């Protein structure tokens, strides 16, 4: 095995990592704006959590979208966004079931995987940031899960694209 070269640096201070502004160009690879679950943990909430608890968890972690999980089966069973929780859906659920807001749970509002619009990882790897932005505009959605296929043919969540993140990173 080749030896690794250790070096000494003659500086007394360095910039704080991640503190520099980060932007993308329209023709940059779409993967540059995707949250990749191989390097970043996904944010999850229990499907049985009250919606305001889920919203607080999303605020605390700095995201607007979380995967709803079935804790007993240890699997993703849905997707819920802050927009869902802060929109009209909770009121409709409260009126339809004659329940107070504190009883509205994530599973009442979440979108199940069979209702998702998803992208394949291979397609995202070939796309540009502007193509992703146009897709968000065309579909009118806030988030797009990205799926990959393992060698055995099983599908799994590989990443997540956020319309707000794409728009923010394209602005200078």
N, C-alpha and C. Protein backbone atom coordinates (compact mmCIF):
# COMPACT_ATOMS: atom_id res chain seq x y z
N UNK A 1 0.83 -1.19 0.00
CA UNK A 1 0.00 0.00 0.00
C UNK A 1 0.87 1.24 0.00
N UNK A 2 0.47 2.21 -0.77
CA UNK A 2 1.20 3.47 -0.88
C UNK A 2 1.07 4.25 0.42
N UNK A 3 2.14 4.85 0.89
CA UNK A 3 2.13 5.64 2.12
C UNK A 3 1.44 6.97 1.88
N UNK A 4 0.70 7.39 2.87
CA UNK A 4 0.03 8.68 2.79
C UNK A 4 0.97 9.75 3.31
N UNK A 5 0.99 10.88 2.66
CA UNK A 5 1.89 11.97 3.05
C UNK A 5 1.18 12.90 4.03
N UNK A 6 1.71 12.98 5.23
CA UNK A 6 1.20 13.93 6.22
C UNK A 6 1.94 15.24 6.05
N UNK A 7 1.22 16.33 6.24
CA UNK A 7 1.83 17.65 6.04
C UNK A 7 1.52 18.54 7.22
N UNK A 8 2.33 19.52 7.40
CA UNK A 8 2.12 20.55 8.41
C UNK A 8 1.72 21.83 7.68
N UNK A 9 0.75 22.55 8.21
CA UNK A 9 0.37 23.81 7.58
C UNK A 9 0.78 24.96 8.49
N UNK A 10 1.33 25.99 7.88
CA UNK A 10 1.84 27.14 8.65
C UNK A 10 0.83 28.27 8.65
N UNK A 11 -0.33 28.03 9.22
CA UNK A 11 -1.34 29.09 9.36
C UNK A 11 -1.82 29.10 10.80
N UNK A 12 -2.28 30.24 11.25
CA UNK A 12 -2.77 30.35 12.62
C UNK A 12 -4.28 30.35 12.70
N UNK A 13 -4.93 30.52 11.56
CA UNK A 13 -6.40 30.47 11.55
C UNK A 13 -6.90 30.06 10.18
N UNK A 14 -8.11 29.52 10.18
CA UNK A 14 -8.75 29.05 8.95
C UNK A 14 -10.20 29.54 8.94
N UNK A 15 -10.78 29.70 7.74
CA UNK A 15 -12.21 30.06 7.70
C UNK A 15 -13.06 28.94 8.29
N UNK A 16 -14.20 29.29 8.86
CA UNK A 16 -15.11 28.30 9.41
C UNK A 16 -15.68 27.49 8.25
N UNK A 17 -15.56 26.15 8.29
CA UNK A 17 -16.10 25.34 7.19
C UNK A 17 -17.60 25.56 7.02
N UNK A 18 -18.02 25.72 5.79
CA UNK A 18 -19.43 25.90 5.49
C UNK A 18 -19.94 27.32 5.64
N UNK A 19 -19.05 28.26 6.05
CA UNK A 19 -19.52 29.63 6.26
C UNK A 19 -19.46 30.48 5.00
N UNK A 20 -18.78 29.99 3.99
CA UNK A 20 -18.70 30.75 2.74
C UNK A 20 -19.99 30.56 1.94
N UNK A 21 -20.39 31.60 1.22
CA UNK A 21 -21.64 31.46 0.45
C UNK A 21 -21.48 30.38 -0.63
N UNK A 22 -22.55 29.66 -0.86
CA UNK A 22 -22.52 28.56 -1.82
C UNK A 22 -23.64 28.80 -2.82
N UNK A 23 -23.28 28.83 -4.08
CA UNK A 23 -24.25 29.01 -5.15
C UNK A 23 -23.96 27.98 -6.23
N UNK A 24 -24.93 27.80 -7.11
CA UNK A 24 -24.75 26.92 -8.26
C UNK A 24 -25.08 27.70 -9.52
N UNK A 25 -24.59 27.18 -10.62
CA UNK A 25 -24.90 27.74 -11.93
C UNK A 25 -25.99 26.87 -12.56
N UNK A 26 -26.78 27.44 -13.46
CA UNK A 26 -27.85 26.66 -14.10
C UNK A 26 -27.37 25.37 -14.77
N UNK A 27 -26.16 25.38 -15.33
CA UNK A 27 -25.67 24.19 -16.03
C UNK A 27 -24.83 23.27 -15.15
N UNK A 28 -24.78 23.53 -13.84
CA UNK A 28 -24.08 22.62 -12.92
C UNK A 28 -24.84 21.30 -12.84
N UNK A 29 -24.15 20.23 -12.46
CA UNK A 29 -24.82 18.93 -12.32
C UNK A 29 -25.91 18.98 -11.25
N UNK A 30 -27.03 18.35 -11.53
CA UNK A 30 -28.15 18.32 -10.58
C UNK A 30 -27.76 17.66 -9.26
N UNK A 31 -26.82 16.74 -9.30
CA UNK A 31 -26.39 16.09 -8.06
C UNK A 31 -25.83 17.09 -7.06
N UNK A 32 -25.38 18.25 -7.52
CA UNK A 32 -24.82 19.26 -6.61
C UNK A 32 -25.89 19.88 -5.71
N UNK A 33 -27.18 19.73 -6.05
CA UNK A 33 -28.25 20.28 -5.22
C UNK A 33 -29.08 19.21 -4.55
N UNK A 34 -28.73 17.95 -4.77
CA UNK A 34 -29.48 16.85 -4.17
C UNK A 34 -28.92 16.54 -2.78
N UNK A 35 -29.79 16.34 -1.81
CA UNK A 35 -29.37 15.82 -0.52
C UNK A 35 -29.19 14.33 -0.70
N UNK A 36 -27.96 13.87 -0.59
CA UNK A 36 -27.61 12.47 -0.83
C UNK A 36 -27.60 11.72 0.49
N UNK A 37 -28.47 10.71 0.61
CA UNK A 37 -28.58 9.98 1.86
C UNK A 37 -27.40 9.05 2.13
N UNK A 38 -26.47 8.97 1.22
CA UNK A 38 -25.25 8.22 1.50
C UNK A 38 -24.27 9.07 2.29
N UNK A 39 -24.45 10.40 2.27
CA UNK A 39 -23.55 11.27 3.03
C UNK A 39 -24.27 12.12 4.07
N UNK A 40 -25.58 12.23 3.96
CA UNK A 40 -26.38 13.02 4.89
C UNK A 40 -27.58 12.19 5.34
N UNK A 41 -27.79 12.15 6.64
CA UNK A 41 -28.92 11.36 7.16
C UNK A 41 -30.23 12.02 6.76
N UNK A 42 -31.22 11.18 6.48
CA UNK A 42 -32.55 11.70 6.19
C UNK A 42 -33.20 12.13 7.51
N UNK A 43 -34.13 13.05 7.42
CA UNK A 43 -34.88 13.50 8.59
C UNK A 43 -36.18 12.70 8.61
N UNK A 44 -36.46 12.09 9.75
CA UNK A 44 -37.65 11.26 9.88
C UNK A 44 -38.49 11.68 11.07
N UNK A 45 -39.78 11.39 10.98
CA UNK A 45 -40.71 11.57 12.10
C UNK A 45 -41.59 10.33 12.14
N UNK A 46 -42.08 10.02 13.31
CA UNK A 46 -42.98 8.88 13.44
C UNK A 46 -44.31 9.22 12.79
N UNK A 47 -44.88 8.25 12.10
CA UNK A 47 -46.20 8.47 11.50
C UNK A 47 -47.27 8.73 12.55
N UNK A 48 -47.00 8.31 13.80
CA UNK A 48 -47.97 8.51 14.88
C UNK A 48 -47.71 9.77 15.70
N UNK A 49 -46.76 10.59 15.26
CA UNK A 49 -46.46 11.84 15.98
C UNK A 49 -47.52 12.89 15.68
N UNK A 50 -47.87 13.73 16.67
CA UNK A 50 -48.75 14.86 16.40
C UNK A 50 -48.07 15.79 15.39
N UNK A 51 -48.84 16.42 14.53
CA UNK A 51 -48.26 17.22 13.45
C UNK A 51 -47.44 18.39 13.97
N UNK A 52 -47.85 19.00 15.08
CA UNK A 52 -47.07 20.14 15.59
C UNK A 52 -45.72 19.69 16.15
N UNK A 53 -45.66 18.49 16.68
CA UNK A 53 -44.39 17.92 17.14
C UNK A 53 -43.48 17.65 15.93
N UNK A 54 -44.06 17.14 14.86
CA UNK A 54 -43.29 16.89 13.64
C UNK A 54 -42.78 18.20 13.05
N UNK A 55 -43.63 19.23 13.05
CA UNK A 55 -43.23 20.53 12.52
C UNK A 55 -42.08 21.12 13.35
N UNK A 56 -42.16 20.99 14.65
CA UNK A 56 -41.09 21.49 15.53
C UNK A 56 -39.78 20.74 15.26
N UNK A 57 -39.87 19.43 15.04
CA UNK A 57 -38.67 18.65 14.72
C UNK A 57 -38.06 19.13 13.39
N UNK A 58 -38.91 19.40 12.40
CA UNK A 58 -38.40 19.90 11.12
C UNK A 58 -37.74 21.26 11.31
N UNK A 59 -38.36 22.14 12.08
CA UNK A 59 -37.76 23.47 12.33
C UNK A 59 -36.41 23.32 13.01
N UNK A 60 -36.36 22.45 14.01
CA UNK A 60 -35.13 22.24 14.77
C UNK A 60 -34.00 21.71 13.89
N UNK A 61 -34.33 20.88 12.93
CA UNK A 61 -33.31 20.29 12.05
C UNK A 61 -33.08 21.12 10.78
N UNK A 62 -33.86 22.20 10.61
CA UNK A 62 -33.65 23.11 9.48
C UNK A 62 -34.14 22.58 8.15
N UNK A 63 -35.19 21.76 8.17
CA UNK A 63 -35.73 21.22 6.92
C UNK A 63 -37.23 21.53 6.83
N UNK A 64 -37.78 21.36 5.65
CA UNK A 64 -39.21 21.56 5.44
C UNK A 64 -39.92 20.27 5.03
N UNK A 65 -39.20 19.16 5.12
CA UNK A 65 -39.74 17.88 4.68
C UNK A 65 -39.14 16.77 5.52
N UNK A 66 -39.96 15.80 5.89
CA UNK A 66 -39.47 14.65 6.65
C UNK A 66 -40.16 13.39 6.13
N UNK A 67 -39.44 12.29 6.24
CA UNK A 67 -40.03 11.00 5.89
C UNK A 67 -40.74 10.46 7.12
N UNK A 68 -41.98 10.03 6.94
CA UNK A 68 -42.74 9.41 8.02
C UNK A 68 -42.36 7.94 8.09
N UNK A 69 -42.09 7.48 9.29
CA UNK A 69 -41.67 6.09 9.43
C UNK A 69 -42.63 5.31 10.33
N UNK A 70 -42.73 4.04 10.03
CA UNK A 70 -43.43 3.08 10.87
C UNK A 70 -42.33 2.50 11.76
N UNK A 71 -42.33 2.88 13.02
CA UNK A 71 -41.25 2.49 13.91
C UNK A 71 -41.20 0.99 14.17
N UNK A 72 -42.35 0.32 14.17
CA UNK A 72 -42.35 -1.11 14.43
C UNK A 72 -41.75 -1.90 13.27
N UNK A 73 -41.99 -1.43 12.04
CA UNK A 73 -41.45 -2.13 10.86
C UNK A 73 -40.12 -1.53 10.39
N UNK A 74 -39.73 -0.39 11.00
CA UNK A 74 -38.50 0.31 10.62
C UNK A 74 -38.47 0.58 9.12
N UNK A 75 -39.55 1.22 8.64
CA UNK A 75 -39.61 1.52 7.22
C UNK A 75 -40.28 2.87 6.98
N UNK A 76 -39.95 3.46 5.85
CA UNK A 76 -40.57 4.72 5.43
C UNK A 76 -41.94 4.40 4.87
N UNK A 77 -42.95 5.09 5.39
CA UNK A 77 -44.33 4.85 4.95
C UNK A 77 -44.98 6.12 4.39
N UNK A 78 -44.23 7.22 4.39
CA UNK A 78 -44.81 8.46 3.88
C UNK A 78 -43.83 9.60 3.88
N UNK A 79 -44.34 10.74 3.44
CA UNK A 79 -43.56 11.98 3.37
C UNK A 79 -44.51 13.09 3.80
N UNK A 80 -44.03 13.96 4.67
CA UNK A 80 -44.84 15.09 5.12
C UNK A 80 -43.97 16.35 5.04
N UNK A 81 -44.58 17.46 4.64
CA UNK A 81 -43.84 18.71 4.54
C UNK A 81 -44.39 19.73 5.53
N UNK A 82 -43.58 20.72 5.83
CA UNK A 82 -44.03 21.82 6.68
C UNK A 82 -45.20 22.54 6.02
N UNK A 83 -45.19 22.58 4.70
CA UNK A 83 -46.28 23.23 3.96
C UNK A 83 -47.60 22.48 4.19
N UNK A 84 -47.53 21.14 4.25
CA UNK A 84 -48.73 20.34 4.54
C UNK A 84 -49.28 20.69 5.91
N UNK A 85 -48.39 20.77 6.89
CA UNK A 85 -48.80 20.99 8.28
C UNK A 85 -49.30 22.42 8.50
N UNK A 86 -48.69 23.38 7.82
CA UNK A 86 -49.09 24.78 8.01
C UNK A 86 -50.22 25.21 7.07
N UNK A 87 -50.61 24.34 6.16
CA UNK A 87 -51.65 24.67 5.19
C UNK A 87 -53.05 24.33 5.68
N UNK A 88 -53.91 24.05 4.74
CA UNK A 88 -55.33 23.79 5.03
C UNK A 88 -55.62 22.35 5.44
N UNK A 89 -54.72 21.43 5.15
CA UNK A 89 -54.97 20.01 5.42
C UNK A 89 -55.33 19.72 6.88
N UNK A 90 -54.62 20.27 7.87
CA UNK A 90 -55.00 19.97 9.25
C UNK A 90 -56.43 20.41 9.58
N UNK A 91 -56.83 21.57 9.09
CA UNK A 91 -58.19 22.05 9.36
C UNK A 91 -59.23 21.12 8.73
N UNK A 92 -58.96 20.68 7.51
CA UNK A 92 -59.89 19.74 6.87
C UNK A 92 -60.01 18.44 7.66
N UNK A 93 -58.87 17.95 8.16
CA UNK A 93 -58.87 16.72 8.96
C UNK A 93 -59.63 16.95 10.27
N UNK A 94 -59.40 18.10 10.90
CA UNK A 94 -60.07 18.40 12.16
C UNK A 94 -61.59 18.46 11.97
N UNK A 95 -62.03 19.08 10.88
CA UNK A 95 -63.46 19.20 10.62
C UNK A 95 -64.07 17.85 10.23
N UNK A 96 -63.38 17.10 9.39
CA UNK A 96 -63.91 15.81 8.92
C UNK A 96 -64.05 14.81 10.06
N UNK A 97 -63.10 14.82 10.99
CA UNK A 97 -63.11 13.82 12.07
C UNK A 97 -63.56 14.42 13.41
N UNK A 98 -63.96 15.68 13.40
CA UNK A 98 -64.37 16.37 14.64
C UNK A 98 -63.34 16.14 15.75
N UNK A 99 -62.10 16.53 15.45
CA UNK A 99 -61.02 16.34 16.42
C UNK A 99 -60.25 17.64 16.62
N UNK A 100 -59.64 17.82 17.78
CA UNK A 100 -58.80 19.00 18.00
C UNK A 100 -57.46 18.84 17.27
N UNK A 101 -56.79 19.94 17.03
CA UNK A 101 -55.52 19.92 16.30
C UNK A 101 -54.50 19.00 16.96
N UNK A 102 -54.47 18.96 18.27
CA UNK A 102 -53.47 18.13 18.97
C UNK A 102 -53.61 16.65 18.64
N UNK A 103 -54.78 16.24 18.12
CA UNK A 103 -55.00 14.83 17.77
C UNK A 103 -54.73 14.53 16.29
N UNK A 104 -54.39 15.55 15.52
CA UNK A 104 -54.06 15.32 14.11
C UNK A 104 -52.63 14.79 14.06
N UNK A 105 -52.46 13.63 13.49
CA UNK A 105 -51.16 12.97 13.45
C UNK A 105 -50.54 13.03 12.05
N UNK A 106 -49.26 12.76 11.99
CA UNK A 106 -48.54 12.77 10.71
C UNK A 106 -49.24 11.87 9.70
N UNK A 107 -49.68 10.69 10.12
CA UNK A 107 -50.28 9.75 9.16
C UNK A 107 -51.56 10.29 8.54
N UNK A 108 -52.22 11.25 9.20
CA UNK A 108 -53.41 11.87 8.61
C UNK A 108 -53.05 12.71 7.37
N UNK A 109 -51.86 13.30 7.37
CA UNK A 109 -51.47 14.24 6.31
C UNK A 109 -50.44 13.71 5.33
N UNK A 110 -49.69 12.69 5.73
CA UNK A 110 -48.56 12.25 4.90
C UNK A 110 -49.02 11.70 3.55
N UNK A 111 -48.11 11.84 2.60
CA UNK A 111 -48.33 11.22 1.29
C UNK A 111 -47.59 9.89 1.27
N UNK A 112 -48.31 8.85 0.94
CA UNK A 112 -47.72 7.52 0.92
C UNK A 112 -46.83 7.33 -0.32
N UNK A 113 -45.83 6.47 -0.23
CA UNK A 113 -44.92 6.28 -1.36
C UNK A 113 -45.63 6.01 -2.69
N UNK A 114 -46.74 5.31 -2.66
CA UNK A 114 -47.46 5.02 -3.91
C UNK A 114 -48.03 6.29 -4.56
N UNK A 115 -48.10 7.39 -3.80
CA UNK A 115 -48.60 8.66 -4.33
C UNK A 115 -47.49 9.63 -4.70
N UNK A 116 -46.23 9.25 -4.48
CA UNK A 116 -45.12 10.15 -4.76
C UNK A 116 -44.82 10.22 -6.24
N UNK A 117 -44.27 11.34 -6.63
CA UNK A 117 -43.61 11.50 -7.92
C UNK A 117 -42.13 11.45 -7.59
N UNK A 118 -41.39 10.53 -8.21
CA UNK A 118 -39.98 10.35 -7.88
C UNK A 118 -39.11 10.46 -9.13
N UNK A 119 -37.84 10.67 -8.90
CA UNK A 119 -36.83 10.65 -9.96
C UNK A 119 -35.87 9.50 -9.70
N UNK A 120 -35.33 8.94 -10.76
CA UNK A 120 -34.29 7.93 -10.63
C UNK A 120 -32.94 8.60 -10.46
N UNK A 121 -32.08 8.02 -9.65
CA UNK A 121 -30.76 8.57 -9.41
C UNK A 121 -29.99 8.75 -10.72
N UNK A 122 -30.09 7.78 -11.60
CA UNK A 122 -29.35 7.86 -12.87
C UNK A 122 -29.80 9.07 -13.69
N UNK A 123 -31.10 9.38 -13.67
CA UNK A 123 -31.61 10.55 -14.39
C UNK A 123 -31.10 11.84 -13.76
N UNK A 124 -31.07 11.90 -12.44
CA UNK A 124 -30.56 13.09 -11.76
C UNK A 124 -29.08 13.26 -12.07
N UNK A 125 -28.34 12.15 -12.13
CA UNK A 125 -26.90 12.21 -12.41
C UNK A 125 -26.61 12.79 -13.80
N UNK A 126 -27.57 12.67 -14.73
CA UNK A 126 -27.38 13.19 -16.09
C UNK A 126 -27.97 14.60 -16.26
N UNK A 127 -28.72 15.07 -15.28
CA UNK A 127 -29.45 16.34 -15.41
C UNK A 127 -28.62 17.53 -14.91
N UNK A 128 -29.09 18.72 -15.27
CA UNK A 128 -28.49 19.96 -14.77
C UNK A 128 -29.44 20.60 -13.76
N UNK A 129 -28.91 21.55 -13.02
CA UNK A 129 -29.71 22.25 -12.01
C UNK A 129 -30.91 22.93 -12.64
N UNK A 130 -30.73 23.57 -13.79
CA UNK A 130 -31.84 24.28 -14.43
C UNK A 130 -32.94 23.31 -14.86
N UNK A 131 -32.57 22.10 -15.27
CA UNK A 131 -33.58 21.10 -15.64
C UNK A 131 -34.40 20.70 -14.42
N UNK A 132 -33.76 20.61 -13.27
CA UNK A 132 -34.47 20.28 -12.03
C UNK A 132 -35.39 21.44 -11.65
N UNK A 133 -34.90 22.66 -11.77
CA UNK A 133 -35.75 23.81 -11.45
C UNK A 133 -36.99 23.84 -12.35
N UNK A 134 -36.80 23.60 -13.63
CA UNK A 134 -37.94 23.58 -14.56
C UNK A 134 -38.92 22.46 -14.23
N UNK A 135 -38.40 21.32 -13.81
CA UNK A 135 -39.26 20.21 -13.43
C UNK A 135 -40.12 20.58 -12.22
N UNK A 136 -39.52 21.24 -11.22
CA UNK A 136 -40.29 21.69 -10.06
C UNK A 136 -41.40 22.65 -10.49
N UNK A 137 -41.07 23.57 -11.39
CA UNK A 137 -42.08 24.53 -11.86
C UNK A 137 -43.21 23.80 -12.60
N UNK A 138 -42.84 22.85 -13.42
CA UNK A 138 -43.83 22.10 -14.21
C UNK A 138 -44.75 21.26 -13.33
N UNK A 139 -44.18 20.59 -12.33
CA UNK A 139 -44.95 19.69 -11.48
C UNK A 139 -45.69 20.41 -10.35
N UNK A 140 -45.17 21.57 -9.95
CA UNK A 140 -45.79 22.30 -8.84
C UNK A 140 -45.64 21.61 -7.50
N UNK A 141 -44.56 20.87 -7.30
CA UNK A 141 -44.30 20.19 -6.02
C UNK A 141 -43.13 20.88 -5.32
N UNK A 142 -43.00 20.62 -4.03
CA UNK A 142 -41.93 21.24 -3.26
C UNK A 142 -40.72 20.33 -3.08
N UNK A 143 -40.94 19.03 -3.13
CA UNK A 143 -39.86 18.06 -2.92
C UNK A 143 -40.01 16.88 -3.87
N UNK A 144 -38.87 16.33 -4.28
CA UNK A 144 -38.87 15.14 -5.12
C UNK A 144 -37.91 14.11 -4.54
N UNK A 145 -38.42 12.97 -4.07
CA UNK A 145 -37.53 11.89 -3.64
C UNK A 145 -36.77 11.33 -4.85
N UNK A 146 -35.55 10.91 -4.59
CA UNK A 146 -34.71 10.31 -5.62
C UNK A 146 -34.47 8.86 -5.23
N UNK A 147 -34.77 7.94 -6.16
CA UNK A 147 -34.66 6.51 -5.90
C UNK A 147 -33.49 5.91 -6.67
N UNK A 148 -32.89 4.90 -6.08
CA UNK A 148 -31.88 4.12 -6.80
C UNK A 148 -32.30 2.65 -6.74
N UNK A 149 -31.72 1.87 -7.63
CA UNK A 149 -32.01 0.45 -7.68
C UNK A 149 -30.73 -0.31 -7.35
N UNK A 150 -30.81 -1.19 -6.35
CA UNK A 150 -29.65 -1.99 -5.96
C UNK A 150 -29.40 -3.09 -6.99
N UNK A 151 -28.27 -3.75 -6.87
CA UNK A 151 -27.91 -4.82 -7.79
C UNK A 151 -28.94 -5.95 -7.80
N UNK A 152 -29.60 -6.16 -6.67
CA UNK A 152 -30.60 -7.23 -6.59
C UNK A 152 -31.98 -6.77 -7.09
N UNK A 153 -32.06 -5.51 -7.56
CA UNK A 153 -33.32 -5.00 -8.10
C UNK A 153 -34.21 -4.30 -7.10
N UNK A 154 -33.81 -4.28 -5.82
CA UNK A 154 -34.63 -3.59 -4.82
C UNK A 154 -34.43 -2.07 -4.93
N UNK A 155 -35.52 -1.37 -4.71
CA UNK A 155 -35.48 0.10 -4.80
C UNK A 155 -35.33 0.69 -3.42
N UNK A 156 -34.57 1.78 -3.35
CA UNK A 156 -34.39 2.46 -2.07
C UNK A 156 -34.25 3.96 -2.28
N UNK A 157 -34.56 4.70 -1.21
CA UNK A 157 -34.39 6.15 -1.25
C UNK A 157 -32.91 6.48 -1.29
N UNK A 158 -32.51 7.28 -2.26
CA UNK A 158 -31.10 7.66 -2.38
C UNK A 158 -30.91 9.12 -2.01
N UNK A 159 -31.94 9.94 -2.25
CA UNK A 159 -31.76 11.35 -1.97
C UNK A 159 -33.07 12.11 -2.04
N UNK A 160 -32.96 13.43 -1.90
CA UNK A 160 -34.12 14.29 -1.93
C UNK A 160 -33.73 15.60 -2.60
N UNK A 161 -34.61 16.08 -3.46
CA UNK A 161 -34.44 17.38 -4.09
C UNK A 161 -35.51 18.32 -3.52
N UNK A 162 -35.11 19.55 -3.25
CA UNK A 162 -36.00 20.56 -2.69
C UNK A 162 -36.08 21.75 -3.63
N UNK A 163 -37.29 22.15 -4.00
CA UNK A 163 -37.47 23.30 -4.88
C UNK A 163 -36.91 24.56 -4.24
N UNK A 164 -37.14 24.75 -2.95
CA UNK A 164 -36.65 25.94 -2.25
C UNK A 164 -35.12 25.98 -2.26
N UNK A 165 -34.48 24.85 -2.06
CA UNK A 165 -33.02 24.79 -2.07
C UNK A 165 -32.48 25.12 -3.45
N UNK A 166 -33.09 24.57 -4.49
CA UNK A 166 -32.65 24.84 -5.86
C UNK A 166 -32.77 26.33 -6.16
N UNK A 167 -33.92 26.92 -5.84
CA UNK A 167 -34.11 28.36 -6.10
C UNK A 167 -33.10 29.21 -5.32
N UNK A 168 -32.90 28.86 -4.05
CA UNK A 168 -31.96 29.61 -3.20
C UNK A 168 -30.54 29.54 -3.75
N UNK A 169 -30.11 28.37 -4.18
CA UNK A 169 -28.73 28.21 -4.65
C UNK A 169 -28.50 28.82 -6.03
N UNK A 170 -29.58 28.99 -6.80
CA UNK A 170 -29.43 29.63 -8.11
C UNK A 170 -29.37 31.16 -8.00
N UNK A 171 -29.87 31.71 -6.88
CA UNK A 171 -29.84 33.17 -6.70
C UNK A 171 -28.47 33.63 -6.29
N UNK A 172 -28.07 34.76 -6.82
CA UNK A 172 -26.80 35.37 -6.39
C UNK A 172 -27.07 36.70 -5.77
